[in-house]
Amino acid sequence: PGFLQDMTAFINELKENDIDCGGLE
């Protein structure tokens, strides 16, 4: 429980700061 919410928040933060899949890789 909670992993989905944590991952949602983290991915949103990545995208809001202009970090895409390629940048994360």
mmCIF file of all heavy atoms, coordinates in Angstrom:
data_MODEL
# 
_entry.id   MODEL 
# 
loop_
_atom_site.group_PDB 
_atom_site.id 
_atom_site.type_symbol 
_atom_site.label_atom_id 
_atom_site.label_alt_id 
_atom_site.label_comp_id 
_atom_site.label_asym_id 
_atom_site.label_entity_id 
_atom_site.label_seq_id 
_atom_site.pdbx_PDB_ins_code 
_atom_site.Cartn_x 
_atom_site.Cartn_y 
_atom_site.Cartn_z 
_atom_site.occupancy 
_atom_site.B_iso_or_equiv 
_atom_site.pdbx_formal_charge 
_atom_site.auth_seq_id 
_atom_site.auth_comp_id 
_atom_site.auth_asym_id 
_atom_site.auth_atom_id 
_atom_site.pdbx_PDB_model_num 
ATOM 1   N N   . PRO A 1 1  ? 0.842  -1.210 0.000   1.00 0.00 ? 1  PRO A N   1 
ATOM 2   C CA  . PRO A 1 1  ? 0.000  0.000  0.000   1.00 0.00 ? 1  PRO A CA  1 
ATOM 3   C C   . PRO A 1 1  ? 0.874  1.255  0.000   1.00 0.00 ? 1  PRO A C   1 
ATOM 4   O O   . PRO A 1 1  ? 1.868  1.336  0.709   1.00 0.00 ? 1  PRO A O   1 
ATOM 5   C CB  . PRO A 1 1  ? -0.783 -0.122 1.321   1.00 0.00 ? 1  PRO A CB  1 
ATOM 6   C CG  . PRO A 1 1  ? -0.758 -1.579 1.648   1.00 0.00 ? 1  PRO A CG  1 
ATOM 7   C CD  . PRO A 1 1  ? 0.568  -2.088 1.149   1.00 0.00 ? 1  PRO A CD  1 
ATOM 8   N N   . GLY A 1 2  ? 0.504  2.203  -0.785  1.00 0.00 ? 2  GLY A N   1 
ATOM 9   C CA  . GLY A 1 2  ? 1.236  3.464  -0.824  1.00 0.00 ? 2  GLY A CA  1 
ATOM 10  C C   . GLY A 1 2  ? 2.267  3.568  -1.930  1.00 0.00 ? 2  GLY A C   1 
ATOM 11  O O   . GLY A 1 2  ? 2.704  4.677  -2.271  1.00 0.00 ? 2  GLY A O   1 
ATOM 12  N N   . PHE A 1 3  ? 2.677  2.426  -2.509  1.00 0.00 ? 3  PHE A N   1 
ATOM 13  C CA  . PHE A 1 3  ? 3.709  2.481  -3.546  1.00 0.00 ? 3  PHE A CA  1 
ATOM 14  C C   . PHE A 1 3  ? 3.195  3.214  -4.784  1.00 0.00 ? 3  PHE A C   1 
ATOM 15  O O   . PHE A 1 3  ? 3.927  4.008  -5.392  1.00 0.00 ? 3  PHE A O   1 
ATOM 16  C CB  . PHE A 1 3  ? 4.158  1.061  -3.924  1.00 0.00 ? 3  PHE A CB  1 
ATOM 17  C CG  . PHE A 1 3  ? 5.276  1.043  -4.933  1.00 0.00 ? 3  PHE A CG  1 
ATOM 18  C CD1 . PHE A 1 3  ? 6.590  1.261  -4.544  1.00 0.00 ? 3  PHE A CD1 1 
ATOM 19  C CD2 . PHE A 1 3  ? 5.021  0.811  -6.281  1.00 0.00 ? 3  PHE A CD2 1 
ATOM 20  C CE1 . PHE A 1 3  ? 7.627  1.256  -5.469  1.00 0.00 ? 3  PHE A CE1 1 
ATOM 21  C CE2 . PHE A 1 3  ? 6.050  0.797  -7.214  1.00 0.00 ? 3  PHE A CE2 1 
ATOM 22  C CZ  . PHE A 1 3  ? 7.360  1.021  -6.795  1.00 0.00 ? 3  PHE A CZ  1 
ATOM 23  N N   . LEU A 1 4  ? 1.957  2.969  -5.154  1.00 0.00 ? 4  LEU A N   1 
ATOM 24  C CA  . LEU A 1 4  ? 1.382  3.632  -6.322  1.00 0.00 ? 4  LEU A CA  1 
ATOM 25  C C   . LEU A 1 4  ? 1.375  5.153  -6.126  1.00 0.00 ? 4  LEU A C   1 
ATOM 26  O O   . LEU A 1 4  ? 1.760  5.907  -7.031  1.00 0.00 ? 4  LEU A O   1 
ATOM 27  C CB  . LEU A 1 4  ? -0.039 3.127  -6.575  1.00 0.00 ? 4  LEU A CB  1 
ATOM 28  C CG  . LEU A 1 4  ? -0.837 3.846  -7.671  1.00 0.00 ? 4  LEU A CG  1 
ATOM 29  C CD1 . LEU A 1 4  ? -0.143 3.742  -9.016  1.00 0.00 ? 4  LEU A CD1 1 
ATOM 30  C CD2 . LEU A 1 4  ? -2.253 3.280  -7.747  1.00 0.00 ? 4  LEU A CD2 1 
ATOM 31  N N   . GLN A 1 5  ? 0.953  5.603  -4.936  1.00 0.00 ? 5  GLN A N   1 
ATOM 32  C CA  . GLN A 1 5  ? 0.902  7.038  -4.667  1.00 0.00 ? 5  GLN A CA  1 
ATOM 33  C C   . GLN A 1 5  ? 2.303  7.646  -4.690  1.00 0.00 ? 5  GLN A C   1 
ATOM 34  O O   . GLN A 1 5  ? 2.515  8.746  -5.231  1.00 0.00 ? 5  GLN A O   1 
ATOM 35  C CB  . GLN A 1 5  ? 0.230  7.300  -3.315  1.00 0.00 ? 5  GLN A CB  1 
ATOM 36  C CG  . GLN A 1 5  ? -1.275 7.049  -3.286  1.00 0.00 ? 5  GLN A CG  1 
ATOM 37  C CD  . GLN A 1 5  ? -1.635 5.571  -3.318  1.00 0.00 ? 5  GLN A CD  1 
ATOM 38  O OE1 . GLN A 1 5  ? -0.822 4.710  -2.962  1.00 0.00 ? 5  GLN A OE1 1 
ATOM 39  N NE2 . GLN A 1 5  ? -2.859 5.280  -3.747  1.00 0.00 ? 5  GLN A NE2 1 
ATOM 40  N N   . ASP A 1 6  ? 3.276  6.930  -4.104  1.00 0.00 ? 6  ASP A N   1 
ATOM 41  C CA  . ASP A 1 6  ? 4.660  7.422  -4.092  1.00 0.00 ? 6  ASP A CA  1 
ATOM 42  C C   . ASP A 1 6  ? 5.211  7.536  -5.523  1.00 0.00 ? 6  ASP A C   1 
ATOM 43  O O   . ASP A 1 6  ? 5.881  8.512  -5.870  1.00 0.00 ? 6  ASP A O   1 
ATOM 44  C CB  . ASP A 1 6  ? 5.558  6.496  -3.271  1.00 0.00 ? 6  ASP A CB  1 
ATOM 45  C CG  . ASP A 1 6  ? 5.256  6.558  -1.781  1.00 0.00 ? 6  ASP A CG  1 
ATOM 46  O OD1 . ASP A 1 6  ? 4.573  7.504  -1.353  1.00 0.00 ? 6  ASP A OD1 1 
ATOM 47  O OD2 . ASP A 1 6  ? 5.704  5.660  -1.046  1.00 0.00 ? 6  ASP A OD2 1 
ATOM 48  N N   . MET A 1 7  ? 4.935  6.518  -6.332  1.00 0.00 ? 7  MET A N   1 
ATOM 49  C CA  . MET A 1 7  ? 5.449  6.522  -7.698  1.00 0.00 ? 7  MET A CA  1 
ATOM 50  C C   . MET A 1 7  ? 4.760  7.603  -8.535  1.00 0.00 ? 7  MET A C   1 
ATOM 51  O O   . MET A 1 7  ? 5.399  8.265  -9.367  1.00 0.00 ? 7  MET A O   1 
ATOM 52  C CB  . MET A 1 7  ? 5.241  5.142  -8.329  1.00 0.00 ? 7  MET A CB  1 
ATOM 53  C CG  . MET A 1 7  ? 5.976  4.940  -9.631  1.00 0.00 ? 7  MET A CG  1 
ATOM 54  S SD  . MET A 1 7  ? 7.778  5.191  -9.519  1.00 0.00 ? 7  MET A SD  1 
ATOM 55  C CE  . MET A 1 7  ? 8.213  4.032  -8.198  1.00 0.00 ? 7  MET A CE  1 
ATOM 56  N N   . THR A 1 8  ? 3.461  7.806  -8.313  1.00 0.00 ? 8  THR A N   1 
ATOM 57  C CA  . THR A 1 8  ? 2.742  8.870  -9.011  1.00 0.00 ? 8  THR A CA  1 
ATOM 58  C C   . THR A 1 8  ? 3.360  10.226 -8.704  1.00 0.00 ? 8  THR A C   1 
ATOM 59  O O   . THR A 1 8  ? 3.623  11.029 -9.610  1.00 0.00 ? 8  THR A O   1 
ATOM 60  C CB  . THR A 1 8  ? 1.258  8.883  -8.609  1.00 0.00 ? 8  THR A CB  1 
ATOM 61  O OG1 . THR A 1 8  ? 0.666  7.612  -8.899  1.00 0.00 ? 8  THR A OG1 1 
ATOM 62  C CG2 . THR A 1 8  ? 0.495  9.967  -9.361  1.00 0.00 ? 8  THR A CG2 1 
ATOM 63  N N   . ALA A 1 9  ? 3.595  10.480 -7.423  1.00 0.00 ? 9  ALA A N   1 
ATOM 64  C CA  . ALA A 1 9  ? 4.169  11.765 -7.011  1.00 0.00 ? 9  ALA A CA  1 
ATOM 65  C C   . ALA A 1 9  ? 5.566  11.957 -7.591  1.00 0.00 ? 9  ALA A C   1 
ATOM 66  O O   . ALA A 1 9  ? 5.917  13.048 -8.045  1.00 0.00 ? 9  ALA A O   1 
ATOM 67  C CB  . ALA A 1 9  ? 4.214  11.854 -5.484  1.00 0.00 ? 9  ALA A CB  1 
ATOM 68  N N   . PHE A 1 10 ? 6.371  10.869 -7.603  1.00 0.00 ? 10 PHE A N   1 
ATOM 69  C CA  . PHE A 1 10 ? 7.747  10.986 -8.084  1.00 0.00 ? 10 PHE A CA  1 
ATOM 70  C C   . PHE A 1 10 ? 7.786  11.237 -9.596  1.00 0.00 ? 10 PHE A C   1 
ATOM 71  O O   . PHE A 1 10 ? 8.536  12.091 -10.080 1.00 0.00 ? 10 PHE A O   1 
ATOM 72  C CB  . PHE A 1 10 ? 8.532  9.719  -7.741  1.00 0.00 ? 10 PHE A CB  1 
ATOM 73  C CG  . PHE A 1 10 ? 10.006 9.852  -7.995  1.00 0.00 ? 10 PHE A CG  1 
ATOM 74  C CD1 . PHE A 1 10 ? 10.796 10.636 -7.168  1.00 0.00 ? 10 PHE A CD1 1 
ATOM 75  C CD2 . PHE A 1 10 ? 10.609 9.213  -9.057  1.00 0.00 ? 10 PHE A CD2 1 
ATOM 76  C CE1 . PHE A 1 10 ? 12.162 10.770 -7.403  1.00 0.00 ? 10 PHE A CE1 1 
ATOM 77  C CE2 . PHE A 1 10 ? 11.966 9.339  -9.305  1.00 0.00 ? 10 PHE A CE2 1 
ATOM 78  C CZ  . PHE A 1 10 ? 12.741 10.118 -8.466  1.00 0.00 ? 10 PHE A CZ  1 
ATOM 79  N N   . ILE A 1 11 ? 6.977  10.505 -10.334 1.00 0.00 ? 11 ILE A N   1 
ATOM 80  C CA  . ILE A 1 11 ? 6.951  10.694 -11.792 1.00 0.00 ? 11 ILE A CA  1 
ATOM 81  C C   . ILE A 1 11 ? 6.416  12.082 -12.145 1.00 0.00 ? 11 ILE A C   1 
ATOM 82  O O   . ILE A 1 11 ? 6.927  12.741 -13.059 1.00 0.00 ? 11 ILE A O   1 
ATOM 83  C CB  . ILE A 1 11 ? 6.134  9.579  -12.462 1.00 0.00 ? 11 ILE A CB  1 
ATOM 84  C CG1 . ILE A 1 11 ? 6.942  8.269  -12.417 1.00 0.00 ? 11 ILE A CG1 1 
ATOM 85  C CG2 . ILE A 1 11 ? 5.772  9.932  -13.898 1.00 0.00 ? 11 ILE A CG2 1 
ATOM 86  C CD1 . ILE A 1 11 ? 6.230  7.066  -12.992 1.00 0.00 ? 11 ILE A CD1 1 
ATOM 87  N N   . ASN A 1 12 ? 5.405  12.547 -11.414 1.00 0.00 ? 12 ASN A N   1 
ATOM 88  C CA  . ASN A 1 12 ? 4.906  13.902 -11.653 1.00 0.00 ? 12 ASN A CA  1 
ATOM 89  C C   . ASN A 1 12 ? 5.998  14.934 -11.403 1.00 0.00 ? 12 ASN A C   1 
ATOM 90  O O   . ASN A 1 12 ? 6.136  15.909 -12.156 1.00 0.00 ? 12 ASN A O   1 
ATOM 91  C CB  . ASN A 1 12 ? 3.706  14.187 -10.756 1.00 0.00 ? 12 ASN A CB  1 
ATOM 92  C CG  . ASN A 1 12 ? 2.429  13.563 -11.275 1.00 0.00 ? 12 ASN A CG  1 
ATOM 93  O OD1 . ASN A 1 12 ? 2.325  13.236 -12.453 1.00 0.00 ? 12 ASN A OD1 1 
ATOM 94  N ND2 . ASN A 1 12 ? 1.457  13.378 -10.403 1.00 0.00 ? 12 ASN A ND2 1 
ATOM 95  N N   . GLU A 1 13 ? 6.778  14.719 -10.350 1.00 0.00 ? 13 GLU A N   1 
ATOM 96  C CA  . GLU A 1 13 ? 7.859  15.660 -10.042 1.00 0.00 ? 13 GLU A CA  1 
ATOM 97  C C   . GLU A 1 13 ? 8.924  15.647 -11.130 1.00 0.00 ? 13 GLU A C   1 
ATOM 98  O O   . GLU A 1 13 ? 9.452  16.696 -11.514 1.00 0.00 ? 13 GLU A O   1 
ATOM 99  C CB  . GLU A 1 13 ? 8.482  15.324 -8.681  1.00 0.00 ? 13 GLU A CB  1 
ATOM 100 C CG  . GLU A 1 13 ? 9.492  16.354 -8.211  1.00 0.00 ? 13 GLU A CG  1 
ATOM 101 C CD  . GLU A 1 13 ? 9.914  16.154 -6.774  1.00 0.00 ? 13 GLU A CD  1 
ATOM 102 O OE1 . GLU A 1 13 ? 9.318  15.306 -6.076  1.00 0.00 ? 13 GLU A OE1 1 
ATOM 103 O OE2 . GLU A 1 13 ? 10.864 16.843 -6.337  1.00 0.00 ? 13 GLU A OE2 1 
ATOM 104 N N   . LEU A 1 14 ? 9.243  14.456 -11.629 1.00 0.00 ? 14 LEU A N   1 
ATOM 105 C CA  . LEU A 1 14 ? 10.195 14.365 -12.735 1.00 0.00 ? 14 LEU A CA  1 
ATOM 106 C C   . LEU A 1 14 ? 9.701  15.163 -13.947 1.00 0.00 ? 14 LEU A C   1 
ATOM 107 O O   . LEU A 1 14 ? 10.425 15.970 -14.522 1.00 0.00 ? 14 LEU A O   1 
ATOM 108 C CB  . LEU A 1 14 ? 10.408 12.901 -13.137 1.00 0.00 ? 14 LEU A CB  1 
ATOM 109 C CG  . LEU A 1 14 ? 11.195 12.008 -12.178 1.00 0.00 ? 14 LEU A CG  1 
ATOM 110 C CD1 . LEU A 1 14 ? 11.156 10.552 -12.673 1.00 0.00 ? 14 LEU A CD1 1 
ATOM 111 C CD2 . LEU A 1 14 ? 12.643 12.472 -12.044 1.00 0.00 ? 14 LEU A CD2 1 
ATOM 112 N N   . LYS A 1 15 ? 8.448  14.923 -14.313 1.00 0.00 ? 15 LYS A N   1 
ATOM 113 C CA  . LYS A 1 15 ? 7.913  15.566 -15.513 1.00 0.00 ? 15 LYS A CA  1 
ATOM 114 C C   . LYS A 1 15 ? 7.770  17.075 -15.321 1.00 0.00 ? 15 LYS A C   1 
ATOM 115 O O   . LYS A 1 15 ? 8.023  17.854 -16.249 1.00 0.00 ? 15 LYS A O   1 
ATOM 116 C CB  . LYS A 1 15 ? 6.567  14.934 -15.887 1.00 0.00 ? 15 LYS A CB  1 
ATOM 117 C CG  . LYS A 1 15 ? 6.683  13.449 -16.216 1.00 0.00 ? 15 LYS A CG  1 
ATOM 118 C CD  . LYS A 1 15 ? 5.373  12.842 -16.662 1.00 0.00 ? 15 LYS A CD  1 
ATOM 119 C CE  . LYS A 1 15 ? 5.115  13.108 -18.115 1.00 0.00 ? 15 LYS A CE  1 
ATOM 120 N NZ  . LYS A 1 15 ? 4.013  12.298 -18.669 1.00 0.00 ? 15 LYS A NZ  1 
ATOM 121 N N   . GLU A 1 16 ? 7.385  17.491 -14.114 1.00 0.00 ? 16 GLU A N   1 
ATOM 122 C CA  . GLU A 1 16 ? 7.255  18.922 -13.848 1.00 0.00 ? 16 GLU A CA  1 
ATOM 123 C C   . GLU A 1 16 ? 8.591  19.637 -13.925 1.00 0.00 ? 16 GLU A C   1 
ATOM 124 O O   . GLU A 1 16 ? 8.650  20.838 -14.177 1.00 0.00 ? 16 GLU A O   1 
ATOM 125 C CB  . GLU A 1 16 ? 6.609  19.134 -12.478 1.00 0.00 ? 16 GLU A CB  1 
ATOM 126 C CG  . GLU A 1 16 ? 5.116  18.813 -12.458 1.00 0.00 ? 16 GLU A CG  1 
ATOM 127 C CD  . GLU A 1 16 ? 4.553  18.795 -11.058 1.00 0.00 ? 16 GLU A CD  1 
ATOM 128 O OE1 . GLU A 1 16 ? 5.327  19.047 -10.100 1.00 0.00 ? 16 GLU A OE1 1 
ATOM 129 O OE2 . GLU A 1 16 ? 3.345  18.533 -10.908 1.00 0.00 ? 16 GLU A OE2 1 
ATOM 130 N N   . ASN A 1 17 ? 9.672  18.899 -13.673 1.00 0.00 ? 17 ASN A N   1 
ATOM 131 C CA  . ASN A 1 17 ? 11.010 19.479 -13.751 1.00 0.00 ? 17 ASN A CA  1 
ATOM 132 C C   . ASN A 1 17 ? 11.723 19.114 -15.047 1.00 0.00 ? 17 ASN A C   1 
ATOM 133 O O   . ASN A 1 17 ? 12.953 19.156 -15.134 1.00 0.00 ? 17 ASN A O   1 
ATOM 134 C CB  . ASN A 1 17 ? 11.830 19.049 -12.530 1.00 0.00 ? 17 ASN A CB  1 
ATOM 135 C CG  . ASN A 1 17 ? 11.394 19.762 -11.269 1.00 0.00 ? 17 ASN A CG  1 
ATOM 136 O OD1 . ASN A 1 17 ? 11.743 20.908 -11.028 1.00 0.00 ? 17 ASN A OD1 1 
ATOM 137 N ND2 . ASN A 1 17 ? 10.579 19.083 -10.457 1.00 0.00 ? 17 ASN A ND2 1 
ATOM 138 N N   . ASP A 1 18 ? 10.909 18.734 -16.044 1.00 0.00 ? 18 ASP A N   1 
ATOM 139 C CA  . ASP A 1 18 ? 11.388 18.530 -17.416 1.00 0.00 ? 18 ASP A CA  1 
ATOM 140 C C   . ASP A 1 18 ? 12.397 17.390 -17.540 1.00 0.00 ? 18 ASP A C   1 
ATOM 141 O O   . ASP A 1 18 ? 13.351 17.465 -18.308 1.00 0.00 ? 18 ASP A O   1 
ATOM 142 C CB  . ASP A 1 18 ? 11.994 19.827 -17.955 1.00 0.00 ? 18 ASP A CB  1 
ATOM 143 C CG  . ASP A 1 18 ? 11.836 19.944 -19.468 1.00 0.00 ? 18 ASP A CG  1 
ATOM 144 O OD1 . ASP A 1 18 ? 10.990 19.221 -20.021 1.00 0.00 ? 18 ASP A OD1 1 
ATOM 145 O OD2 . ASP A 1 18 ? 12.560 20.738 -20.087 1.00 0.00 ? 18 ASP A OD2 1 
ATOM 146 N N   . ILE A 1 19 ? 12.183 16.324 -16.757 1.00 0.00 ? 19 ILE A N   1 
ATOM 147 C CA  . ILE A 1 19 ? 13.023 15.130 -16.852 1.00 0.00 ? 19 ILE A CA  1 
ATOM 148 C C   . ILE A 1 19 ? 12.182 14.012 -17.455 1.00 0.00 ? 19 ILE A C   1 
ATOM 149 O O   . ILE A 1 19 ? 11.208 13.562 -16.858 1.00 0.00 ? 19 ILE A O   1 
ATOM 150 C CB  . ILE A 1 19 ? 13.556 14.702 -15.469 1.00 0.00 ? 19 ILE A CB  1 
ATOM 151 C CG1 . ILE A 1 19 ? 14.375 15.829 -14.851 1.00 0.00 ? 19 ILE A CG1 1 
ATOM 152 C CG2 . ILE A 1 19 ? 14.405 13.426 -15.584 1.00 0.00 ? 19 ILE A CG2 1 
ATOM 153 C CD1 . ILE A 1 19 ? 14.802 15.566 -13.409 1.00 0.00 ? 19 ILE A CD1 1 
ATOM 154 N N   . ASP A 1 20 ? 12.541 13.576 -18.652 1.00 0.00 ? 20 ASP A N   1 
ATOM 155 C CA  . ASP A 1 20 ? 11.786 12.525 -19.316 1.00 0.00 ? 20 ASP A CA  1 
ATOM 156 C C   . ASP A 1 20 ? 12.463 11.174 -19.095 1.00 0.00 ? 20 ASP A C   1 
ATOM 157 O O   . ASP A 1 20 ? 13.446 11.061 -18.347 1.00 0.00 ? 20 ASP A O   1 
ATOM 158 C CB  . ASP A 1 20 ? 11.622 12.820 -20.804 1.00 0.00 ? 20 ASP A CB  1 
ATOM 159 C CG  . ASP A 1 20 ? 12.971 12.970 -21.529 1.00 0.00 ? 20 ASP A CG  1 
ATOM 160 O OD1 . ASP A 1 20 ? 14.012 12.596 -20.955 1.00 0.00 ? 20 ASP A OD1 1 
ATOM 161 O OD2 . ASP A 1 20 ? 12.959 13.457 -22.674 1.00 0.00 ? 20 ASP A OD2 1 
ATOM 162 N N   . CYS A 1 21 ? 11.937 10.143 -19.750 1.00 0.00 ? 21 CYS A N   1 
ATOM 163 C CA  . CYS A 1 21 ? 12.497 8.798  -19.580 1.00 0.00 ? 21 CYS A CA  1 
ATOM 164 C C   . CYS A 1 21 ? 13.969 8.747  -19.957 1.00 0.00 ? 21 CYS A C   1 
ATOM 165 O O   . CYS A 1 21 ? 14.788 8.133  -19.260 1.00 0.00 ? 21 CYS A O   1 
ATOM 166 C CB  . CYS A 1 21 ? 11.714 7.800  -20.430 1.00 0.00 ? 21 CYS A CB  1 
ATOM 167 S SG  . CYS A 1 21 ? 10.114 7.365  -19.781 1.00 0.00 ? 21 CYS A SG  1 
ATOM 168 N N   . GLY A 1 22 ? 14.320 9.378  -21.064 1.00 0.00 ? 22 GLY A N   1 
ATOM 169 C CA  . GLY A 1 22 ? 15.712 9.381  -21.511 1.00 0.00 ? 22 GLY A CA  1 
ATOM 170 C C   . GLY A 1 22 ? 16.621 10.063 -20.512 1.00 0.00 ? 22 GLY A C   1 
ATOM 171 O O   . GLY A 1 22 ? 17.738 9.591  -20.234 1.00 0.00 ? 22 GLY A O   1 
ATOM 172 N N   . GLY A 1 23 ? 16.160 11.176 -19.940 1.00 0.00 ? 23 GLY A N   1 
ATOM 173 C CA  . GLY A 1 23 ? 16.957 11.882 -18.947 1.00 0.00 ? 23 GLY A CA  1 
ATOM 174 C C   . GLY A 1 23 ? 17.160 11.061 -17.692 1.00 0.00 ? 23 GLY A C   1 
ATOM 175 O O   . GLY A 1 23 ? 18.258 11.036 -17.117 1.00 0.00 ? 23 GLY A O   1 
ATOM 176 N N   . LEU A 1 24 ? 16.113 10.371 -17.254 1.00 0.00 ? 24 LEU A N   1 
ATOM 177 C CA  . LEU A 1 24 ? 16.223 9.531  -16.062 1.00 0.00 ? 24 LEU A CA  1 
ATOM 178 C C   . LEU A 1 24 ? 17.160 8.359  -16.311 1.00 0.00 ? 24 LEU A C   1 
ATOM 179 O O   . LEU A 1 24 ? 17.973 7.996  -15.443 1.00 0.00 ? 24 LEU A O   1 
ATOM 180 C CB  . LEU A 1 24 ? 14.839 9.014  -15.658 1.00 0.00 ? 24 LEU A CB  1 
ATOM 181 C CG  . LEU A 1 24 ? 14.794 8.154  -14.397 1.00 0.00 ? 24 LEU A CG  1 
ATOM 182 C CD1 . LEU A 1 24 ? 15.295 8.929  -13.187 1.00 0.00 ? 24 LEU A CD1 1 
ATOM 183 C CD2 . LEU A 1 24 ? 13.372 7.649  -14.155 1.00 0.00 ? 24 LEU A CD2 1 
ATOM 184 N N   . GLU A 1 25 ? 17.077 7.766  -17.500 1.00 0.00 ? 25 GLU A N   1 
ATOM 185 C CA  . GLU A 1 25 ? 17.966 6.649  -17.834 1.00 0.00 ? 25 GLU A CA  1 
ATOM 186 C C   . GLU A 1 25 ? 19.421 7.101  -17.842 1.00 0.00 ? 25 GLU A C   1 
ATOM 187 O O   . GLU A 1 25 ? 20.310 6.371  -17.369 1.00 0.00 ? 25 GLU A O   1 
ATOM 188 C CB  . GLU A 1 25 ? 17.582 6.084  -19.194 1.00 0.00 ? 25 GLU A CB  1 
ATOM 189 C CG  . GLU A 1 25 ? 18.336 4.807  -19.567 1.00 0.00 ? 25 GLU A CG  1 
ATOM 190 C CD  . GLU A 1 25 ? 17.834 4.216  -20.862 1.00 0.00 ? 25 GLU A CD  1 
ATOM 191 O OE1 . GLU A 1 25 ? 17.373 4.974  -21.731 1.00 0.00 ? 25 GLU A OE1 1 
ATOM 192 O OE2 . GLU A 1 25 ? 17.892 2.974  -21.011 1.00 0.00 ? 25 GLU A OE2 1 
# 
